[in-house]
Amino acid sequence: MNNETRNDEAVSPVIATILMVAITVVLAGVLYVWAANLAESNTDGSLELYTFSGADAPGDDGGVIMTMDTGKDLGWASITIKASVNGAASSTVPACDGAVVEDCWSSTDADTASWNSGEAITVDTSCTGACTVTINVLNSREGTTLDTTIVDIE
């Protein structure tokens, strides 16, 4: 009277297949979130490779001492230094090169081909009295700003 045939073996492969698909979906989601976080970690397109610091130069000449704190050597031919006093339009500051120039920058380092980490330069500006000087260090070959430093001179 009992002619029913039970096929209990078919349940186990179906459950195993569903579990494998679920594990695959969860793993794919975890990898997607991980990859998305890596891609979003640098969204502005600039990788901070250089850091600079500025300080009021001793004396009353309105100078700023700029020090490269970190970064690989920068060739002087590939950078441009611009200065702005009290929010005025910035202007390119040329190298002093022994010539008498009113606003220029100079270095006392023996390596005259590049700006090295830890090396300081003095940027002379036409600042007299108390003022705020903004120094921009630009990579003129790539057209990018490497650093903007603001120094209060007293």
N, C-alpha and C. Protein backbone atom coordinates (compact mmCIF):
# COMPACT_ATOMS: atom_id res chain seq x y z
N MET A 1 0.78 -1.17 0.00
CA MET A 1 0.00 0.00 0.00
C MET A 1 0.85 1.26 0.00
N ASN A 2 1.96 1.10 0.40
CA ASN A 2 2.83 2.25 0.49
C ASN A 2 3.79 2.23 -0.69
N ASN A 3 3.39 2.82 -1.82
CA ASN A 3 4.19 2.80 -3.02
C ASN A 3 4.98 4.10 -3.22
N GLU A 4 4.97 4.89 -2.29
CA GLU A 4 5.70 6.15 -2.42
C GLU A 4 7.19 5.89 -2.42
N THR A 5 7.85 6.54 -3.33
CA THR A 5 9.31 6.45 -3.33
C THR A 5 9.88 7.80 -2.88
N ARG A 6 10.67 7.71 -1.95
CA ARG A 6 11.28 8.95 -1.45
C ARG A 6 12.70 9.07 -1.96
N ASN A 7 13.01 10.25 -2.44
CA ASN A 7 14.35 10.49 -2.96
C ASN A 7 15.01 11.57 -2.09
N ASP A 8 15.55 11.17 -0.97
CA ASP A 8 16.19 12.11 -0.04
C ASP A 8 17.55 12.57 -0.54
N GLU A 9 18.12 11.87 -1.47
CA GLU A 9 19.44 12.23 -1.96
C GLU A 9 19.44 13.52 -2.76
N ALA A 10 18.36 13.92 -3.36
CA ALA A 10 18.29 15.11 -4.20
C ALA A 10 18.34 16.39 -3.38
N VAL A 11 18.01 16.35 -2.12
CA VAL A 11 18.00 17.56 -1.30
C VAL A 11 19.42 18.03 -1.01
N SER A 12 20.34 17.17 -0.71
CA SER A 12 21.69 17.54 -0.35
C SER A 12 22.43 18.27 -1.47
N PRO A 13 22.42 17.86 -2.74
CA PRO A 13 23.10 18.62 -3.80
C PRO A 13 22.48 20.01 -4.02
N VAL A 14 21.18 20.16 -3.84
CA VAL A 14 20.55 21.46 -4.02
C VAL A 14 21.01 22.42 -2.93
N ILE A 15 21.04 21.96 -1.70
CA ILE A 15 21.50 22.79 -0.59
C ILE A 15 22.97 23.15 -0.77
N ALA A 16 23.77 22.21 -1.19
CA ALA A 16 25.20 22.47 -1.41
C ALA A 16 25.39 23.52 -2.50
N THR A 17 24.62 23.45 -3.57
CA THR A 17 24.73 24.42 -4.65
C THR A 17 24.32 25.81 -4.17
N ILE A 18 23.26 25.91 -3.42
CA ILE A 18 22.81 27.20 -2.89
C ILE A 18 23.87 27.78 -1.95
N LEU A 19 24.44 26.96 -1.12
CA LEU A 19 25.49 27.44 -0.21
C LEU A 19 26.73 27.93 -0.98
N MET A 20 27.13 27.22 -2.02
CA MET A 20 28.29 27.65 -2.81
C MET A 20 28.02 28.96 -3.51
N VAL A 21 26.82 29.14 -4.04
CA VAL A 21 26.47 30.42 -4.69
C VAL A 21 26.46 31.54 -3.65
N ALA A 22 25.91 31.30 -2.48
CA ALA A 22 25.86 32.32 -1.42
C ALA A 22 27.26 32.73 -0.97
N ILE A 23 28.14 31.75 -0.80
CA ILE A 23 29.52 32.04 -0.40
C ILE A 23 30.23 32.85 -1.48
N THR A 24 29.99 32.52 -2.74
CA THR A 24 30.61 33.24 -3.85
C THR A 24 30.13 34.69 -3.89
N VAL A 25 28.83 34.91 -3.68
CA VAL A 25 28.28 36.27 -3.69
C VAL A 25 28.85 37.09 -2.53
N VAL A 26 28.93 36.51 -1.35
CA VAL A 26 29.48 37.22 -0.19
C VAL A 26 30.95 37.55 -0.42
N LEU A 27 31.72 36.62 -0.93
CA LEU A 27 33.14 36.86 -1.20
C LEU A 27 33.32 37.94 -2.26
N ALA A 28 32.51 37.92 -3.30
CA ALA A 28 32.59 38.96 -4.33
C ALA A 28 32.26 40.33 -3.74
N GLY A 29 31.29 40.41 -2.84
CA GLY A 29 30.95 41.67 -2.19
C GLY A 29 32.07 42.21 -1.34
N VAL A 30 32.72 41.33 -0.60
CA VAL A 30 33.84 41.74 0.24
C VAL A 30 34.99 42.26 -0.63
N LEU A 31 35.30 41.58 -1.69
CA LEU A 31 36.37 42.03 -2.60
C LEU A 31 36.01 43.35 -3.26
N TYR A 32 34.74 43.55 -3.60
CA TYR A 32 34.32 44.80 -4.22
C TYR A 32 34.50 45.97 -3.25
N VAL A 33 34.08 45.80 -2.01
CA VAL A 33 34.23 46.86 -1.02
C VAL A 33 35.70 47.16 -0.77
N TRP A 34 36.52 46.14 -0.69
CA TRP A 34 37.95 46.34 -0.49
C TRP A 34 38.57 47.10 -1.65
N ALA A 35 38.25 46.73 -2.88
CA ALA A 35 38.79 47.40 -4.06
C ALA A 35 38.28 48.83 -4.16
N ALA A 36 37.01 49.07 -3.80
CA ALA A 36 36.46 50.42 -3.85
C ALA A 36 37.16 51.33 -2.84
N ASN A 37 37.49 50.82 -1.67
CA ASN A 37 38.20 51.62 -0.68
C ASN A 37 39.61 51.96 -1.16
N LEU A 38 40.25 51.05 -1.84
CA LEU A 38 41.57 51.35 -2.39
C LEU A 38 41.49 52.44 -3.45
N ALA A 39 40.47 52.37 -4.29
CA ALA A 39 40.33 53.36 -5.37
C ALA A 39 39.98 54.74 -4.83
N GLU A 40 39.25 54.82 -3.72
CA GLU A 40 38.85 56.10 -3.16
C GLU A 40 39.89 56.73 -2.27
N SER A 41 40.96 56.05 -1.96
CA SER A 41 41.93 56.58 -1.01
C SER A 41 42.68 57.78 -1.56
N ASN A 42 42.71 58.00 -2.87
CA ASN A 42 43.41 59.14 -3.46
C ASN A 42 42.54 59.70 -4.57
N THR A 43 41.46 60.38 -4.20
CA THR A 43 40.51 60.86 -5.20
C THR A 43 40.88 62.20 -5.80
N ASP A 44 41.75 62.98 -5.17
CA ASP A 44 42.06 64.29 -5.72
C ASP A 44 43.16 64.25 -6.77
N GLY A 45 43.75 63.11 -7.01
CA GLY A 45 44.73 62.97 -8.08
C GLY A 45 46.13 63.39 -7.68
N SER A 46 46.32 63.89 -6.49
CA SER A 46 47.66 64.30 -6.09
C SER A 46 48.16 63.39 -4.99
N LEU A 47 49.32 62.90 -5.19
CA LEU A 47 49.95 62.07 -4.18
C LEU A 47 50.97 62.94 -3.47
N GLU A 48 50.81 63.12 -2.19
CA GLU A 48 51.66 64.02 -1.42
C GLU A 48 53.05 63.41 -1.29
N LEU A 49 53.97 63.87 -2.14
CA LEU A 49 55.33 63.36 -2.10
C LEU A 49 56.31 64.34 -1.47
N TYR A 50 55.92 65.60 -1.42
CA TYR A 50 56.81 66.64 -0.90
C TYR A 50 56.13 67.39 0.23
N THR A 51 56.88 67.71 1.26
CA THR A 51 56.40 68.61 2.29
C THR A 51 57.47 69.67 2.54
N PHE A 52 57.02 70.88 2.75
CA PHE A 52 57.90 72.01 2.96
C PHE A 52 57.45 72.74 4.22
N SER A 53 58.34 73.47 4.83
CA SER A 53 57.99 74.32 5.96
C SER A 53 58.65 75.68 5.75
N GLY A 54 58.03 76.69 6.31
CA GLY A 54 58.55 78.04 6.16
C GLY A 54 58.67 78.72 7.51
N ALA A 55 59.61 79.65 7.60
CA ALA A 55 59.81 80.41 8.83
C ALA A 55 60.32 81.79 8.48
N ASP A 56 60.08 82.73 9.36
CA ASP A 56 60.57 84.09 9.21
C ASP A 56 62.09 84.07 9.27
N ALA A 57 62.74 84.66 8.27
CA ALA A 57 64.20 84.72 8.26
C ALA A 57 64.67 85.75 9.28
N PRO A 58 65.80 85.51 9.92
CA PRO A 58 66.29 86.49 10.89
C PRO A 58 66.65 87.81 10.20
N GLY A 59 66.46 88.89 10.91
CA GLY A 59 66.74 90.21 10.35
C GLY A 59 65.46 90.89 9.91
N ASP A 60 65.60 92.07 9.36
CA ASP A 60 64.44 92.86 8.96
C ASP A 60 64.31 92.97 7.44
N ASP A 61 64.78 91.96 6.72
CA ASP A 61 64.77 92.05 5.27
C ASP A 61 63.51 91.48 4.62
N GLY A 62 62.55 90.96 5.40
CA GLY A 62 61.31 90.43 4.82
C GLY A 62 61.52 89.09 4.14
N GLY A 63 62.49 88.33 4.59
CA GLY A 63 62.78 87.05 3.97
C GLY A 63 62.08 85.89 4.64
N VAL A 64 61.94 84.81 3.89
CA VAL A 64 61.33 83.58 4.38
C VAL A 64 62.31 82.44 4.14
N ILE A 65 62.52 81.62 5.16
CA ILE A 65 63.36 80.44 5.00
C ILE A 65 62.44 79.26 4.70
N MET A 66 62.60 78.67 3.51
CA MET A 66 61.80 77.51 3.08
C MET A 66 62.68 76.27 3.17
N THR A 67 62.18 75.25 3.85
CA THR A 67 62.93 73.99 4.01
C THR A 67 62.12 72.86 3.41
N MET A 68 62.76 72.04 2.57
CA MET A 68 62.11 70.83 2.06
C MET A 68 62.25 69.78 3.15
N ASP A 69 61.11 69.40 3.74
CA ASP A 69 61.14 68.42 4.83
C ASP A 69 61.21 66.99 4.32
N THR A 70 60.40 66.65 3.33
CA THR A 70 60.44 65.31 2.73
C THR A 70 60.27 65.42 1.23
N GLY A 71 60.81 64.44 0.55
CA GLY A 71 60.69 64.37 -0.91
C GLY A 71 62.04 64.07 -1.53
N LYS A 72 61.97 63.57 -2.76
CA LYS A 72 63.23 63.32 -3.45
C LYS A 72 63.75 64.61 -4.07
N ASP A 73 64.98 64.60 -4.51
CA ASP A 73 65.63 65.80 -5.02
C ASP A 73 64.81 66.44 -6.15
N LEU A 74 64.72 67.77 -6.10
CA LEU A 74 64.03 68.53 -7.13
C LEU A 74 65.06 69.36 -7.89
N GLY A 75 65.15 69.15 -9.19
CA GLY A 75 66.06 69.94 -9.99
C GLY A 75 65.57 71.38 -10.06
N TRP A 76 66.50 72.34 -9.90
CA TRP A 76 66.12 73.76 -9.91
C TRP A 76 65.48 74.13 -11.24
N ALA A 77 65.86 73.47 -12.32
CA ALA A 77 65.31 73.80 -13.63
C ALA A 77 63.84 73.40 -13.76
N SER A 78 63.37 72.50 -12.91
CA SER A 78 61.99 72.01 -13.05
C SER A 78 61.03 72.63 -12.05
N ILE A 79 61.49 73.57 -11.20
CA ILE A 79 60.56 74.17 -10.24
C ILE A 79 60.52 75.69 -10.42
N THR A 80 59.39 76.24 -10.00
CA THR A 80 59.20 77.68 -9.99
C THR A 80 58.74 78.06 -8.59
N ILE A 81 59.29 79.12 -8.06
CA ILE A 81 58.91 79.61 -6.75
C ILE A 81 58.18 80.93 -6.95
N LYS A 82 56.98 81.02 -6.38
CA LYS A 82 56.18 82.23 -6.47
C LYS A 82 55.91 82.75 -5.07
N ALA A 83 55.85 84.06 -4.93
CA ALA A 83 55.60 84.67 -3.63
C ALA A 83 54.51 85.72 -3.75
N SER A 84 53.72 85.82 -2.69
CA SER A 84 52.67 86.82 -2.59
C SER A 84 52.78 87.46 -1.22
N VAL A 85 52.72 88.79 -1.18
CA VAL A 85 52.82 89.52 0.08
C VAL A 85 51.47 90.13 0.40
N ASN A 86 50.94 89.83 1.58
CA ASN A 86 49.67 90.37 2.06
C ASN A 86 48.52 90.14 1.08
N GLY A 87 48.48 88.99 0.45
CA GLY A 87 47.36 88.63 -0.42
C GLY A 87 47.41 89.23 -1.81
N ALA A 88 48.46 89.93 -2.14
CA ALA A 88 48.59 90.50 -3.49
C ALA A 88 48.81 89.37 -4.50
N ALA A 89 48.76 89.70 -5.76
CA ALA A 89 49.00 88.69 -6.80
C ALA A 89 50.40 88.13 -6.65
N SER A 90 50.52 86.82 -6.82
CA SER A 90 51.83 86.19 -6.67
C SER A 90 52.67 86.44 -7.92
N SER A 91 53.96 86.53 -7.69
CA SER A 91 54.90 86.72 -8.80
C SER A 91 56.03 85.73 -8.67
N THR A 92 56.61 85.37 -9.80
CA THR A 92 57.71 84.41 -9.83
C THR A 92 58.95 85.04 -9.19
N VAL A 93 59.59 84.27 -8.33
CA VAL A 93 60.79 84.73 -7.64
C VAL A 93 61.98 84.05 -8.32
N PRO A 94 62.87 84.83 -8.95
CA PRO A 94 64.01 84.21 -9.63
C PRO A 94 65.13 83.87 -8.66
N ALA A 95 66.06 83.06 -9.12
CA ALA A 95 67.25 82.75 -8.32
C ALA A 95 68.14 83.98 -8.29
N CYS A 96 68.82 84.21 -7.16
CA CYS A 96 69.67 85.40 -7.02
C CYS A 96 70.91 85.31 -7.92
N ASP A 97 71.52 84.15 -8.01
CA ASP A 97 72.68 83.91 -8.89
C ASP A 97 73.77 84.96 -8.77
N GLY A 98 73.97 85.50 -7.58
CA GLY A 98 75.05 86.47 -7.38
C GLY A 98 74.72 87.86 -7.89
N ALA A 99 73.65 88.01 -8.65
CA ALA A 99 73.27 89.31 -9.17
C ALA A 99 72.49 90.07 -8.10
N VAL A 100 72.46 91.36 -8.23
CA VAL A 100 71.69 92.17 -7.29
C VAL A 100 70.26 92.24 -7.82
N VAL A 101 69.41 91.44 -7.20
CA VAL A 101 68.00 91.40 -7.57
C VAL A 101 67.21 91.66 -6.30
N GLU A 102 66.16 92.47 -6.39
CA GLU A 102 65.43 92.84 -5.17
C GLU A 102 64.72 91.64 -4.56
N ASP A 103 63.91 90.93 -5.31
CA ASP A 103 63.18 89.77 -4.80
C ASP A 103 63.74 88.53 -5.48
N CYS A 104 64.45 87.67 -4.72
CA CYS A 104 65.03 86.47 -5.29
C CYS A 104 65.21 85.43 -4.19
N TRP A 105 65.55 84.21 -4.57
CA TRP A 105 65.82 83.16 -3.59
C TRP A 105 67.27 82.72 -3.74
N SER A 106 67.83 82.23 -2.63
CA SER A 106 69.22 81.77 -2.65
C SER A 106 69.37 80.56 -1.74
N SER A 107 70.37 79.75 -2.06
CA SER A 107 70.67 78.57 -1.27
C SER A 107 72.15 78.57 -0.93
N THR A 108 72.48 78.05 0.23
CA THR A 108 73.88 77.97 0.63
C THR A 108 74.42 76.56 0.48
N ASP A 109 73.61 75.64 -0.09
CA ASP A 109 74.02 74.25 -0.24
C ASP A 109 75.02 74.11 -1.39
N ALA A 110 75.94 73.18 -1.25
CA ALA A 110 76.96 72.96 -2.28
C ALA A 110 76.37 72.32 -3.53
N ASP A 111 75.26 71.58 -3.39
CA ASP A 111 74.62 70.96 -4.55
C ASP A 111 73.76 72.00 -5.24
N THR A 112 74.29 72.60 -6.29
CA THR A 112 73.59 73.68 -6.97
C THR A 112 72.62 73.18 -8.04
N ALA A 113 72.56 71.88 -8.26
CA ALA A 113 71.69 71.36 -9.32
C ALA A 113 70.28 71.04 -8.82
N SER A 114 70.14 70.79 -7.51
CA SER A 114 68.82 70.38 -7.04
C SER A 114 68.57 70.80 -5.60
N TRP A 115 67.29 70.81 -5.25
CA TRP A 115 66.85 71.09 -3.88
C TRP A 115 66.67 69.75 -3.20
N ASN A 116 67.41 69.49 -2.14
CA ASN A 116 67.43 68.21 -1.46
C ASN A 116 66.61 68.25 -0.18
N SER A 117 66.16 67.10 0.26
CA SER A 117 65.43 67.01 1.52
C SER A 117 66.32 67.48 2.66
N GLY A 118 65.78 68.36 3.51
CA GLY A 118 66.53 68.93 4.61
C GLY A 118 67.22 70.23 4.26
N GLU A 119 67.30 70.58 2.99
CA GLU A 119 67.95 71.80 2.55
C GLU A 119 67.00 72.99 2.66
N ALA A 120 67.53 74.12 3.07
CA ALA A 120 66.74 75.34 3.21
C ALA A 120 67.21 76.37 2.19
N ILE A 121 66.25 77.15 1.70
CA ILE A 121 66.58 78.28 0.85
C ILE A 121 65.99 79.53 1.50
N THR A 122 66.53 80.67 1.17
CA THR A 122 66.00 81.93 1.67
C THR A 122 65.35 82.66 0.52
N VAL A 123 64.07 82.98 0.69
CA VAL A 123 63.32 83.71 -0.32
C VAL A 123 63.18 85.14 0.17
N ASP A 124 63.83 86.07 -0.53
CA ASP A 124 63.72 87.48 -0.17
C ASP A 124 62.48 88.05 -0.83
N THR A 125 61.70 88.79 -0.07
CA THR A 125 60.50 89.42 -0.60
C THR A 125 60.56 90.91 -0.31
N SER A 126 59.66 91.65 -0.90
CA SER A 126 59.62 93.10 -0.67
C SER A 126 58.73 93.44 0.51
N CYS A 127 58.66 92.55 1.47
CA CYS A 127 57.85 92.75 2.66
C CYS A 127 58.60 93.65 3.62
N THR A 128 57.95 94.72 4.08
CA THR A 128 58.54 95.58 5.09
C THR A 128 57.57 95.66 6.26
N GLY A 129 58.09 95.52 7.44
CA GLY A 129 57.24 95.51 8.61
C GLY A 129 56.54 94.17 8.77
N ALA A 130 55.40 94.18 9.46
CA ALA A 130 54.65 92.94 9.67
C ALA A 130 53.80 92.66 8.43
N CYS A 131 53.92 91.43 7.92
CA CYS A 131 53.14 91.05 6.75
C CYS A 131 53.00 89.53 6.69
N THR A 132 52.14 89.09 5.79
CA THR A 132 51.93 87.67 5.57
C THR A 132 52.44 87.33 4.17
N VAL A 133 53.34 86.37 4.10
CA VAL A 133 53.93 85.96 2.82
C VAL A 133 53.46 84.55 2.49
N THR A 134 52.96 84.37 1.28
CA THR A 134 52.55 83.06 0.79
C THR A 134 53.55 82.61 -0.27
N ILE A 135 54.18 81.47 -0.03
CA ILE A 135 55.16 80.92 -0.97
C ILE A 135 54.56 79.68 -1.63
N ASN A 136 54.56 79.64 -2.95
CA ASN A 136 54.11 78.48 -3.71
C ASN A 136 55.31 77.85 -4.39
N VAL A 137 55.46 76.55 -4.23
CA VAL A 137 56.50 75.80 -4.94
C VAL A 137 55.78 75.00 -6.01
N LEU A 138 56.12 75.27 -7.28
CA LEU A 138 55.44 74.65 -8.41
C LEU A 138 56.39 73.76 -9.19
N ASN A 139 55.87 72.65 -9.69
CA ASN A 139 56.60 71.81 -10.63
C ASN A 139 56.25 72.35 -12.00
N SER A 140 57.16 73.12 -12.61
CA SER A 140 56.85 73.79 -13.86
C SER A 140 56.78 72.82 -15.05
N ARG A 141 57.37 71.66 -14.95
CA ARG A 141 57.30 70.69 -16.05
C ARG A 141 55.96 69.99 -16.09
N GLU A 142 55.40 69.68 -14.92
CA GLU A 142 54.12 68.98 -14.86
C GLU A 142 52.95 69.93 -14.66
N GLY A 143 53.22 71.19 -14.33
CA GLY A 143 52.17 72.16 -14.12
C GLY A 143 51.37 71.93 -12.84
N THR A 144 52.03 71.42 -11.80
CA THR A 144 51.34 71.14 -10.54
C THR A 144 51.96 71.94 -9.40
N THR A 145 51.16 72.22 -8.39
CA THR A 145 51.65 72.89 -7.19
C THR A 145 52.11 71.82 -6.20
N LEU A 146 53.36 71.90 -5.79
CA LEU A 146 53.91 70.96 -4.83
C LEU A 146 53.58 71.36 -3.40
N ASP A 147 53.53 72.67 -3.13
CA ASP A 147 53.28 73.12 -1.77
C ASP A 147 52.89 74.59 -1.76
N THR A 148 52.06 74.95 -0.81
CA THR A 148 51.74 76.35 -0.52
C THR A 148 51.99 76.55 0.98
N THR A 149 52.89 77.46 1.30
CA THR A 149 53.26 77.73 2.68
C THR A 149 53.00 79.20 2.99
N ILE A 150 52.34 79.45 4.12
CA ILE A 150 52.05 80.81 4.55
C ILE A 150 52.87 81.10 5.79
N VAL A 151 53.61 82.23 5.75
CA VAL A 151 54.48 82.62 6.85
C VAL A 151 54.16 84.05 7.26
N ASP A 152 53.95 84.25 8.56
CA ASP A 152 53.75 85.59 9.09
C ASP A 152 55.10 86.19 9.49
N ILE A 153 55.42 87.34 8.91
CA ILE A 153 56.69 88.02 9.19
C ILE A 153 56.39 89.20 10.13
N GLU A 154 57.19 89.29 11.16
CA GLU A 154 56.96 90.37 12.13
C GLU A 154 58.12 91.32 12.19
